[in-house]
C-alpha cells in the first residue's frame, strides 16, 4: 500500500512516515505548501492529510481528480470545510476525524453510551489539555467527544454547548455540554469527559504519551479506507463500532 502524506514536514508528518514504514506499507512521499500535490496523489494509493484548514480545498480537489481516498486528521475545520468534504465524498472515500487514536475512538464510543444512559441531571464537561503550540480550541478531540455525547443524548451540540465561561455567567444550563481548554508544555493530548451528578462523578480519560499513537491510527484508517466505496467515514467505522 502506497501512502502519501500531506503536511509531511510537520510533527505529525514525521510520525506518519515512521508509522508507515513500521506497518510494512510504502511511503509514497510527502508534500507541503507549494509542493507537487497532483504528483503525490497520482503516486499514492491513499493520502493522509495533517496540514491546515486553508489547504483542505486544494487537497480534496487533487484527490478527487486522481480518484484517491483521503484520511483527514486536520483540526480547526469550519462548517464550510465540512461542506467541501461532503461534496468530495460523492466521488471518493473520505475519512475525517478530530483524532486518529484508536484509544480515543473507543473513548468516544463510551462517552456516547454513557450520555445515552444517563439523564440530563448528569452534567457533561469536556476538559482537554494540549501542548503550547496548538492553535485551535476546543481541540478536535474535545469536539469529537462533545459530538459523541450529543449523539448519545440526541441533541445538537452547536446549540447545546457552553464555552469560554468568564465573569458572572449565571448558573449552568441544564443539559448543556461544557468545554474547557488548557494549553501548556509538550502535552500530546489529554481529554477528560466528566459526567457529574449530585454526590457522584464519572470521568472517562485518555492519556496520549506520544503522538505516534495518532500516526499509527491514521495508517490503520488509510489501509481500511482503500477498501471502501465513495462516501464519508469516521474512525469508529474502522474499529467496527
C-alpha atoms as a PDB file:
ATOM      1  CA  UNK A   1       0.000   0.000   0.000  1.00  0.00           C
ATOM      2  CA  UNK A   2       1.468   3.358  -1.090  1.00  0.00           C
ATOM      3  CA  UNK A   3       0.560   6.081   1.400  1.00  0.00           C
ATOM      4  CA  UNK A   4       1.247   9.750   0.686  1.00  0.00           C
ATOM      5  CA  UNK A   5       1.494  12.425   3.377  1.00  0.00           C
ATOM      6  CA  UNK A   6       0.098  15.946   3.052  1.00  0.00           C
ATOM      7  CA  UNK A   7       1.829  18.126   5.623  1.00  0.00           C
ATOM      8  CA  UNK A   8       4.928  15.933   5.691  1.00  0.00           C
ATOM      9  CA  UNK A   9       7.281  18.425   7.359  1.00  0.00           C
ATOM     10  CA  UNK A  10       5.174  18.864  10.476  1.00  0.00           C
ATOM     11  CA  UNK A  11       5.349  16.880  13.704  1.00  0.00           C
ATOM     12  CA  UNK A  12       2.604  14.521  12.591  1.00  0.00           C
ATOM     13  CA  UNK A  13       4.142  14.167   9.151  1.00  0.00           C
ATOM     14  CA  UNK A  14       7.374  12.833  10.614  1.00  0.00           C
ATOM     15  CA  UNK A  15       5.493  10.439  12.915  1.00  0.00           C
ATOM     16  CA  UNK A  16       3.397   9.241   9.990  1.00  0.00           C
ATOM     17  CA  UNK A  17       6.435   8.325   7.929  1.00  0.00           C
ATOM     18  CA  UNK A  18       7.750   6.190  10.795  1.00  0.00           C
ATOM     19  CA  UNK A  19       4.338   4.549  11.286  1.00  0.00           C
ATOM     20  CA  UNK A  20       4.010   3.756   7.567  1.00  0.00           C
ATOM     21  CA  UNK A  21       7.404   2.084   7.480  1.00  0.00           C
ATOM     22  CA  UNK A  22       6.750   0.205  10.742  1.00  0.00           C
ATOM     23  CA  UNK A  23       3.478  -1.161   9.340  1.00  0.00           C
ATOM     24  CA  UNK A  24       5.206  -2.607   6.279  1.00  0.00           C
ATOM     25  CA  UNK A  25       3.488  -0.208   3.883  1.00  0.00           C
ATOM     26  CA  UNK A  26       5.197   2.073   1.352  1.00  0.00           C
ATOM     27  CA  UNK A  27       5.819   5.754   1.992  1.00  0.00           C
ATOM     28  CA  UNK A  28       4.845   7.256  -1.368  1.00  0.00           C
ATOM     29  CA  UNK A  29       6.270  10.650  -0.497  1.00  0.00           C
ATOM     30  CA  UNK A  30       5.146  13.868   1.101  1.00  0.00           C
ATOM     31  CA  UNK A  31       4.134  17.345   0.146  1.00  0.00           C
ATOM     32  CA  UNK A  32       3.931  20.689   1.913  1.00  0.00           C
ATOM     33  CA  UNK A  33       2.860  24.185   0.911  1.00  0.00           C
ATOM     34  CA  UNK A  34       3.845  24.811  -2.712  1.00  0.00           C
ATOM     35  CA  UNK A  35       4.705  21.158  -3.392  1.00  0.00           C
ATOM     36  CA  UNK A  36       3.533  18.886  -6.190  1.00  0.00           C
ATOM     37  CA  UNK A  37       0.218  17.774  -4.737  1.00  0.00           C
ATOM     38  CA  UNK A  38      -1.039  16.437  -8.077  1.00  0.00           C
ATOM     39  CA  UNK A  39       2.036  14.264  -8.498  1.00  0.00           C
ATOM     40  CA  UNK A  40       1.785  12.901  -4.955  1.00  0.00           C
ATOM     41  CA  UNK A  41      -1.878  11.996  -5.434  1.00  0.00           C
ATOM     42  CA  UNK A  42      -1.066  10.151  -8.653  1.00  0.00           C
ATOM     43  CA  UNK A  43       1.777   8.216  -6.997  1.00  0.00           C
ATOM     44  CA  UNK A  44      -0.245   7.157  -3.939  1.00  0.00           C
ATOM     45  CA  UNK A  45      -2.986   4.626  -3.249  1.00  0.00           C
ATOM     46  CA  UNK A  46      -4.289   6.792  -0.393  1.00  0.00           C
ATOM     47  CA  UNK A  47      -3.340  10.104   1.185  1.00  0.00           C
ATOM     48  CA  UNK A  48      -3.251  11.239   4.810  1.00  0.00           C
ATOM     49  CA  UNK A  49      -3.717  14.958   5.480  1.00  0.00           C
ATOM     50  CA  UNK A  50      -2.436  16.652   8.640  1.00  0.00           C
ATOM     51  CA  UNK A  51      -1.780  20.051   7.071  1.00  0.00           C
ATOM     52  CA  UNK A  52      -4.039  23.069   7.693  1.00  0.00           C
ATOM     53  CA  UNK A  53      -7.685  24.052   7.141  1.00  0.00           C
ATOM     54  CA  UNK A  54      -6.898  26.604   4.442  1.00  0.00           C
ATOM     55  CA  UNK A  55      -5.244  23.868   2.330  1.00  0.00           C
ATOM     56  CA  UNK A  56      -8.165  21.453   2.554  1.00  0.00           C
ATOM     57  CA  UNK A  57      -9.996  22.515  -0.601  1.00  0.00           C
ATOM     58  CA  UNK A  58      -6.921  22.047  -2.807  1.00  0.00           C
ATOM     59  CA  UNK A  59      -6.142  18.730  -1.119  1.00  0.00           C
ATOM     60  CA  UNK A  60      -9.641  17.408  -1.762  1.00  0.00           C
ATOM     61  CA  UNK A  61      -9.601  18.630  -5.374  1.00  0.00           C
ATOM     62  CA  UNK A  62      -6.335  16.788  -6.045  1.00  0.00           C
ATOM     63  CA  UNK A  63      -7.660  13.556  -4.530  1.00  0.00           C
ATOM     64  CA  UNK A  64     -10.919  13.746  -6.492  1.00  0.00           C
ATOM     65  CA  UNK A  65      -9.023  14.405  -9.727  1.00  0.00           C
ATOM     66  CA  UNK A  66      -6.761  11.384  -9.096  1.00  0.00           C
ATOM     67  CA  UNK A  67      -9.553   9.203  -7.704  1.00  0.00           C
ATOM     68  CA  UNK A  68      -7.677   8.647  -4.440  1.00  0.00           C
ATOM     69  CA  UNK A  69      -9.186   8.239  -0.945  1.00  0.00           C
ATOM     70  CA  UNK A  70      -8.032  10.583   1.795  1.00  0.00           C
ATOM     71  CA  UNK A  71      -7.819  10.489   5.589  1.00  0.00           C
ATOM     72  CA  UNK A  72      -8.215  13.986   7.066  1.00  0.00           C
ATOM     73  CA  UNK A  73      -6.825  14.494  10.544  1.00  0.00           C
ATOM     74  CA  UNK A  74      -6.518  18.271  10.265  1.00  0.00           C
ATOM     75  CA  UNK A  75      -8.338  20.070  13.086  1.00  0.00           C
ATOM     76  CA  UNK A  76      -9.776  23.578  13.309  1.00  0.00           C
ATOM     77  CA  UNK A  77     -12.208  22.907  10.451  1.00  0.00           C
ATOM     78  CA  UNK A  78     -15.197  25.205   9.992  1.00  0.00           C
ATOM     79  CA  UNK A  79     -18.670  24.492   8.645  1.00  0.00           C
ATOM     80  CA  UNK A  80     -17.657  25.349   5.076  1.00  0.00           C
ATOM     81  CA  UNK A  81     -14.889  22.738   5.221  1.00  0.00           C
ATOM     82  CA  UNK A  82     -17.418  20.052   6.073  1.00  0.00           C
ATOM     83  CA  UNK A  83     -19.482  21.050   3.040  1.00  0.00           C
ATOM     84  CA  UNK A  84     -16.351  20.587   0.901  1.00  0.00           C
ATOM     85  CA  UNK A  85     -15.761  17.151   2.440  1.00  0.00           C
ATOM     86  CA  UNK A  86     -19.366  16.102   1.812  1.00  0.00           C
ATOM     87  CA  UNK A  87     -19.035  17.199  -1.809  1.00  0.00           C
ATOM     88  CA  UNK A  88     -15.772  15.285  -2.354  1.00  0.00           C
ATOM     89  CA  UNK A  89     -17.248  12.190  -0.682  1.00  0.00           C
ATOM     90  CA  UNK A  90     -19.632  11.809  -3.612  1.00  0.00           C
ATOM     91  CA  UNK A  91     -16.637  10.791  -5.733  1.00  0.00           C
ATOM     92  CA  UNK A  92     -14.044   9.338  -3.341  1.00  0.00           C
ATOM     93  CA  UNK A  93     -13.838   7.742   0.087  1.00  0.00           C
ATOM     94  CA  UNK A  94     -13.084  10.380   2.748  1.00  0.00           C
ATOM     95  CA  UNK A  95     -12.438   9.720   6.429  1.00  0.00           C
ATOM     96  CA  UNK A  96     -12.450  12.862   8.550  1.00  0.00           C
ATOM     97  CA  UNK A  97     -11.845  12.861  12.276  1.00  0.00           C
ATOM     98  CA  UNK A  98     -10.715  15.116  15.093  1.00  0.00           C
ATOM     99  CA  UNK A  99      -8.468  12.360  16.424  1.00  0.00           C
ATOM    100  CA  UNK A 100      -6.987   9.250  14.763  1.00  0.00           C
ATOM    101  CA  UNK A 101      -6.057   7.496  18.017  1.00  0.00           C
ATOM    102  CA  UNK A 102      -7.720   4.101  18.348  1.00  0.00           C
ATOM    103  CA  UNK A 103      -7.972   4.669  22.103  1.00  0.00           C
ATOM    104  CA  UNK A 104      -9.784   7.991  21.674  1.00  0.00           C
ATOM    105  CA  UNK A 105     -12.086   6.344  19.134  1.00  0.00           C
ATOM    106  CA  UNK A 106     -13.075   3.805  21.772  1.00  0.00           C
ATOM    107  CA  UNK A 107     -13.377   6.576  24.364  1.00  0.00           C
ATOM    108  CA  UNK A 108     -15.873   8.406  22.141  1.00  0.00           C
ATOM    109  CA  UNK A 109     -17.980   5.247  21.920  1.00  0.00           C
ATOM    110  CA  UNK A 110     -18.014   5.006  25.730  1.00  0.00           C
ATOM    111  CA  UNK A 111     -18.935   8.694  26.044  1.00  0.00           C
ATOM    112  CA  UNK A 112     -21.856   8.227  23.655  1.00  0.00           C
ATOM    113  CA  UNK A 113     -23.080   5.198  25.593  1.00  0.00           C
ATOM    114  CA  UNK A 114     -22.831   6.981  28.933  1.00  0.00           C
ATOM    115  CA  UNK A 115     -24.630  10.056  27.618  1.00  0.00           C
ATOM    116  CA  UNK A 116     -27.454   7.922  26.215  1.00  0.00           C
ATOM    117  CA  UNK A 117     -27.988   6.084  29.517  1.00  0.00           C
ATOM    118  CA  UNK A 118     -27.610   8.939  31.998  1.00  0.00           C
ATOM    119  CA  UNK A 119     -30.256  11.656  32.285  1.00  0.00           C
ATOM    120  CA  UNK A 120     -29.913  15.411  31.941  1.00  0.00           C
ATOM    121  CA  UNK A 121     -29.333  15.638  35.703  1.00  0.00           C
ATOM    122  CA  UNK A 122     -25.810  14.428  34.846  1.00  0.00           C
ATOM    123  CA  UNK A 123     -23.823  17.449  33.669  1.00  0.00           C
ATOM    124  CA  UNK A 124     -21.287  16.775  30.906  1.00  0.00           C
ATOM    125  CA  UNK A 125     -17.995  18.661  30.768  1.00  0.00           C
ATOM    126  CA  UNK A 126     -15.196  18.060  28.254  1.00  0.00           C
ATOM    127  CA  UNK A 127     -11.819  19.190  29.612  1.00  0.00           C
ATOM    128  CA  UNK A 128      -8.751  18.856  27.396  1.00  0.00           C
ATOM    129  CA  UNK A 129      -5.105  19.822  27.572  1.00  0.00           C
ATOM    130  CA  UNK A 130      -2.682  20.075  24.663  1.00  0.00           C
ATOM    131  CA  UNK A 131       0.801  21.433  24.026  1.00  0.00           C
ATOM    132  CA  UNK A 132       1.530  25.154  23.923  1.00  0.00           C
ATOM    133  CA  UNK A 133       1.786  25.223  20.111  1.00  0.00           C
ATOM    134  CA  UNK A 134      -1.787  24.112  19.408  1.00  0.00           C
ATOM    135  CA  UNK A 135      -3.714  26.891  17.670  1.00  0.00           C
ATOM    136  CA  UNK A 136      -7.360  25.737  17.813  1.00  0.00           C
ATOM    137  CA  UNK A 137      -9.665  25.456  20.810  1.00  0.00           C
ATOM    138  CA  UNK A 138     -11.613  23.453  21.705  1.00  0.00           C
ATOM    139  CA  UNK A 139      -9.410  20.798  20.167  1.00  0.00           C
ATOM    140  CA  UNK A 140     -10.655  18.421  17.509  1.00  0.00           C
ATOM    141  CA  UNK A 141     -10.591  15.698  20.145  1.00  0.00           C
ATOM    142  CA  UNK A 142     -12.792  17.717  22.503  1.00  0.00           C
ATOM    143  CA  UNK A 143     -15.301  18.383  19.744  1.00  0.00           C
ATOM    144  CA  UNK A 144     -15.230  14.709  18.766  1.00  0.00           C
ATOM    145  CA  UNK A 145     -16.152  13.744  22.328  1.00  0.00           C
ATOM    146  CA  UNK A 146     -18.720  16.519  22.558  1.00  0.00           C
ATOM    147  CA  UNK A 147     -20.382  15.286  19.367  1.00  0.00           C
ATOM    148  CA  UNK A 148     -20.400  11.748  20.778  1.00  0.00           C
ATOM    149  CA  UNK A 149     -22.142  12.983  23.925  1.00  0.00           C
ATOM    150  CA  UNK A 150     -24.626  14.999  21.873  1.00  0.00           C
ATOM    151  CA  UNK A 151     -25.466  11.982  19.705  1.00  0.00           C
ATOM    152  CA  UNK A 152     -25.969   9.937  22.834  1.00  0.00           C
ATOM    153  CA  UNK A 153     -28.483  12.478  24.106  1.00  0.00           C
ATOM    154  CA  UNK A 154     -29.929  13.053  20.647  1.00  0.00           C
ATOM    155  CA  UNK A 155     -29.325  16.808  20.779  1.00  0.00           C
ATOM    156  CA  UNK A 156     -27.497  19.317  18.586  1.00  0.00           C
ATOM    157  CA  UNK A 157     -24.076  20.156  20.001  1.00  0.00           C
ATOM    158  CA  UNK A 158     -23.899  23.573  18.374  1.00  0.00           C
ATOM    159  CA  UNK A 159     -26.980  24.840  20.235  1.00  0.00           C
ATOM    160  CA  UNK A 160     -26.337  22.921  23.451  1.00  0.00           C
ATOM    161  CA  UNK A 161     -22.746  23.746  24.358  1.00  0.00           C
ATOM    162  CA  UNK A 162     -21.108  26.188  26.756  1.00  0.00           C
ATOM    163  CA  UNK A 163     -17.600  27.549  26.148  1.00  0.00           C
ATOM    164  CA  UNK A 164     -15.303  30.220  27.490  1.00  0.00           C
ATOM    165  CA  UNK A 165     -17.009  30.892  30.805  1.00  0.00           C
ATOM    166  CA  UNK A 166     -15.738  34.096  32.395  1.00  0.00           C
ATOM    167  CA  UNK A 167     -17.173  36.526  34.897  1.00  0.00           C
ATOM    168  CA  UNK A 168     -20.741  36.257  36.150  1.00  0.00           C
ATOM    169  CA  UNK A 169     -22.183  33.769  33.689  1.00  0.00           C
ATOM    170  CA  UNK A 170     -25.186  32.602  35.675  1.00  0.00           C
ATOM    171  CA  UNK A 171     -25.999  29.023  36.563  1.00  0.00           C
ATOM    172  CA  UNK A 172     -25.093  26.180  34.257  1.00  0.00           C
ATOM    173  CA  UNK A 173     -27.759  25.390  31.632  1.00  0.00           C
ATOM    174  CA  UNK A 174     -29.404  22.039  32.269  1.00  0.00           C
ATOM    175  CA  UNK A 175     -28.427  19.525  29.588  1.00  0.00           C
ATOM    176  CA  UNK A 176     -25.631  21.646  28.117  1.00  0.00           C
ATOM    177  CA  UNK A 177     -22.243  20.176  27.214  1.00  0.00           C
ATOM    178  CA  UNK A 178     -19.402  22.305  28.564  1.00  0.00           C
ATOM    179  CA  UNK A 179     -15.878  22.712  27.193  1.00  0.00           C
ATOM    180  CA  UNK A 180     -12.646  23.846  28.838  1.00  0.00           C
ATOM    181  CA  UNK A 181      -9.290  24.027  27.019  1.00  0.00           C
ATOM    182  CA  UNK A 182      -5.876  24.020  28.698  1.00  0.00           C
ATOM    183  CA  UNK A 183      -2.605  24.710  26.871  1.00  0.00           C
ATOM    184  CA  UNK A 184       0.966  24.204  28.020  1.00  0.00           C
ATOM    185  CA  UNK A 185       4.214  22.286  27.773  1.00  0.00           C
ATOM    186  CA  UNK A 186       4.516  19.379  25.370  1.00  0.00           C
ATOM    187  CA  UNK A 187       1.287  17.531  26.198  1.00  0.00           C
ATOM    188  CA  UNK A 188       0.343  15.379  23.204  1.00  0.00           C
ATOM    189  CA  UNK A 189      -3.299  15.264  24.260  1.00  0.00           C
ATOM    190  CA  UNK A 190      -5.244  14.621  27.479  1.00  0.00           C
ATOM    191  CA  UNK A 191      -9.038  14.675  27.008  1.00  0.00           C
ATOM    192  CA  UNK A 192     -11.308  14.101  30.019  1.00  0.00           C
ATOM    193  CA  UNK A 193     -15.065  13.579  29.682  1.00  0.00           C
ATOM    194  CA  UNK A 194     -16.737  14.299  33.005  1.00  0.00           C
ATOM    195  CA  UNK A 195     -20.266  13.202  33.897  1.00  0.00           C
ATOM    196  CA  UNK A 196     -21.227  14.929  37.159  1.00  0.00           C
ATOM    197  CA  UNK A 197     -24.418  14.402  39.167  1.00  0.00           C
ATOM    198  CA  UNK A 198     -25.306  15.127  42.790  1.00  0.00           C
ATOM    199  CA  UNK A 199     -22.874  13.259  45.034  1.00  0.00           C
ATOM    200  CA  UNK A 200     -21.171  11.265  42.272  1.00  0.00           C
ATOM    201  CA  UNK A 201     -18.995  11.731  39.196  1.00  0.00           C
ATOM    202  CA  UNK A 202     -17.748   9.598  36.308  1.00  0.00           C
ATOM    203  CA  UNK A 203     -14.571  10.540  34.421  1.00  0.00           C
ATOM    204  CA  UNK A 204     -13.596   8.926  31.133  1.00  0.00           C
ATOM    205  CA  UNK A 205      -9.981   9.823  30.389  1.00  0.00           C
ATOM    206  CA  UNK A 206      -7.449   9.137  27.663  1.00  0.00           C
ATOM    207  CA  UNK A 207      -3.754   9.914  28.030  1.00  0.00           C
ATOM    208  CA  UNK A 208      -1.636  10.343  24.917  1.00  0.00           C
ATOM    209  CA  UNK A 209       2.000   9.763  25.844  1.00  0.00           C
ATOM    210  CA  UNK A 210       3.363  10.109  22.316  1.00  0.00           C
ATOM    211  CA  UNK A 211       1.885  11.396  19.044  1.00  0.00           C
ATOM    212  CA  UNK A 212       2.963   8.112  17.456  1.00  0.00           C
ATOM    213  CA  UNK A 213      -0.431   6.738  18.537  1.00  0.00           C
ATOM    214  CA  UNK A 214      -2.153   9.194  16.205  1.00  0.00           C
ATOM    215  CA  UNK A 215       0.105   8.207  13.316  1.00  0.00           C
ATOM    216  CA  UNK A 216      -0.493   4.501  13.948  1.00  0.00           C
ATOM    217  CA  UNK A 217      -4.260   5.026  13.930  1.00  0.00           C
ATOM    218  CA  UNK A 218      -4.088   7.148  10.774  1.00  0.00           C
ATOM    219  CA  UNK A 219      -2.188   4.413   8.924  1.00  0.00           C
ATOM    220  CA  UNK A 220      -4.741   1.810  10.024  1.00  0.00           C
ATOM    221  CA  UNK A 221      -7.529   4.115   8.835  1.00  0.00           C
ATOM    222  CA  UNK A 222      -5.788   4.717   5.489  1.00  0.00           C
ATOM    223  CA  UNK A 223      -5.430   0.997   4.786  1.00  0.00           C
ATOM    224  CA  UNK A 224      -9.071   0.416   5.738  1.00  0.00           C
ATOM    225  CA  UNK A 225     -10.261   3.331   3.597  1.00  0.00           C
ATOM    226  CA  UNK A 226      -8.777   1.918   0.375  1.00  0.00           C
ATOM    227  CA  UNK A 227     -11.345  -0.884   0.545  1.00  0.00           C
ATOM    228  CA  UNK A 228     -14.362   1.425   0.887  1.00  0.00           C
ATOM    229  CA  UNK A 229     -16.709   2.878  -1.703  1.00  0.00           C
ATOM    230  CA  UNK A 230     -17.023   6.662  -2.164  1.00  0.00           C
ATOM    231  CA  UNK A 231     -18.580   8.237   0.903  1.00  0.00           C
ATOM    232  CA  UNK A 232     -17.791   9.932   4.176  1.00  0.00           C
ATOM    233  CA  UNK A 233     -16.459   7.793   7.003  1.00  0.00           C
ATOM    234  CA  UNK A 234     -15.318   8.152  10.627  1.00  0.00           C
ATOM    235  CA  UNK A 235     -12.801   6.400  12.874  1.00  0.00           C
ATOM    236  CA  UNK A 236     -15.457   4.395  14.733  1.00  0.00           C
ATOM    237  CA  UNK A 237     -16.166   2.532  11.495  1.00  0.00           C
ATOM    238  CA  UNK A 238     -12.516   1.486  11.255  1.00  0.00           C
ATOM    239  CA  UNK A 239     -12.977  -0.338  14.572  1.00  0.00           C
ATOM    240  CA  UNK A 240     -16.423  -1.618  13.638  1.00  0.00           C
ATOM    241  CA  UNK A 241     -18.149   0.417  16.383  1.00  0.00           C
END
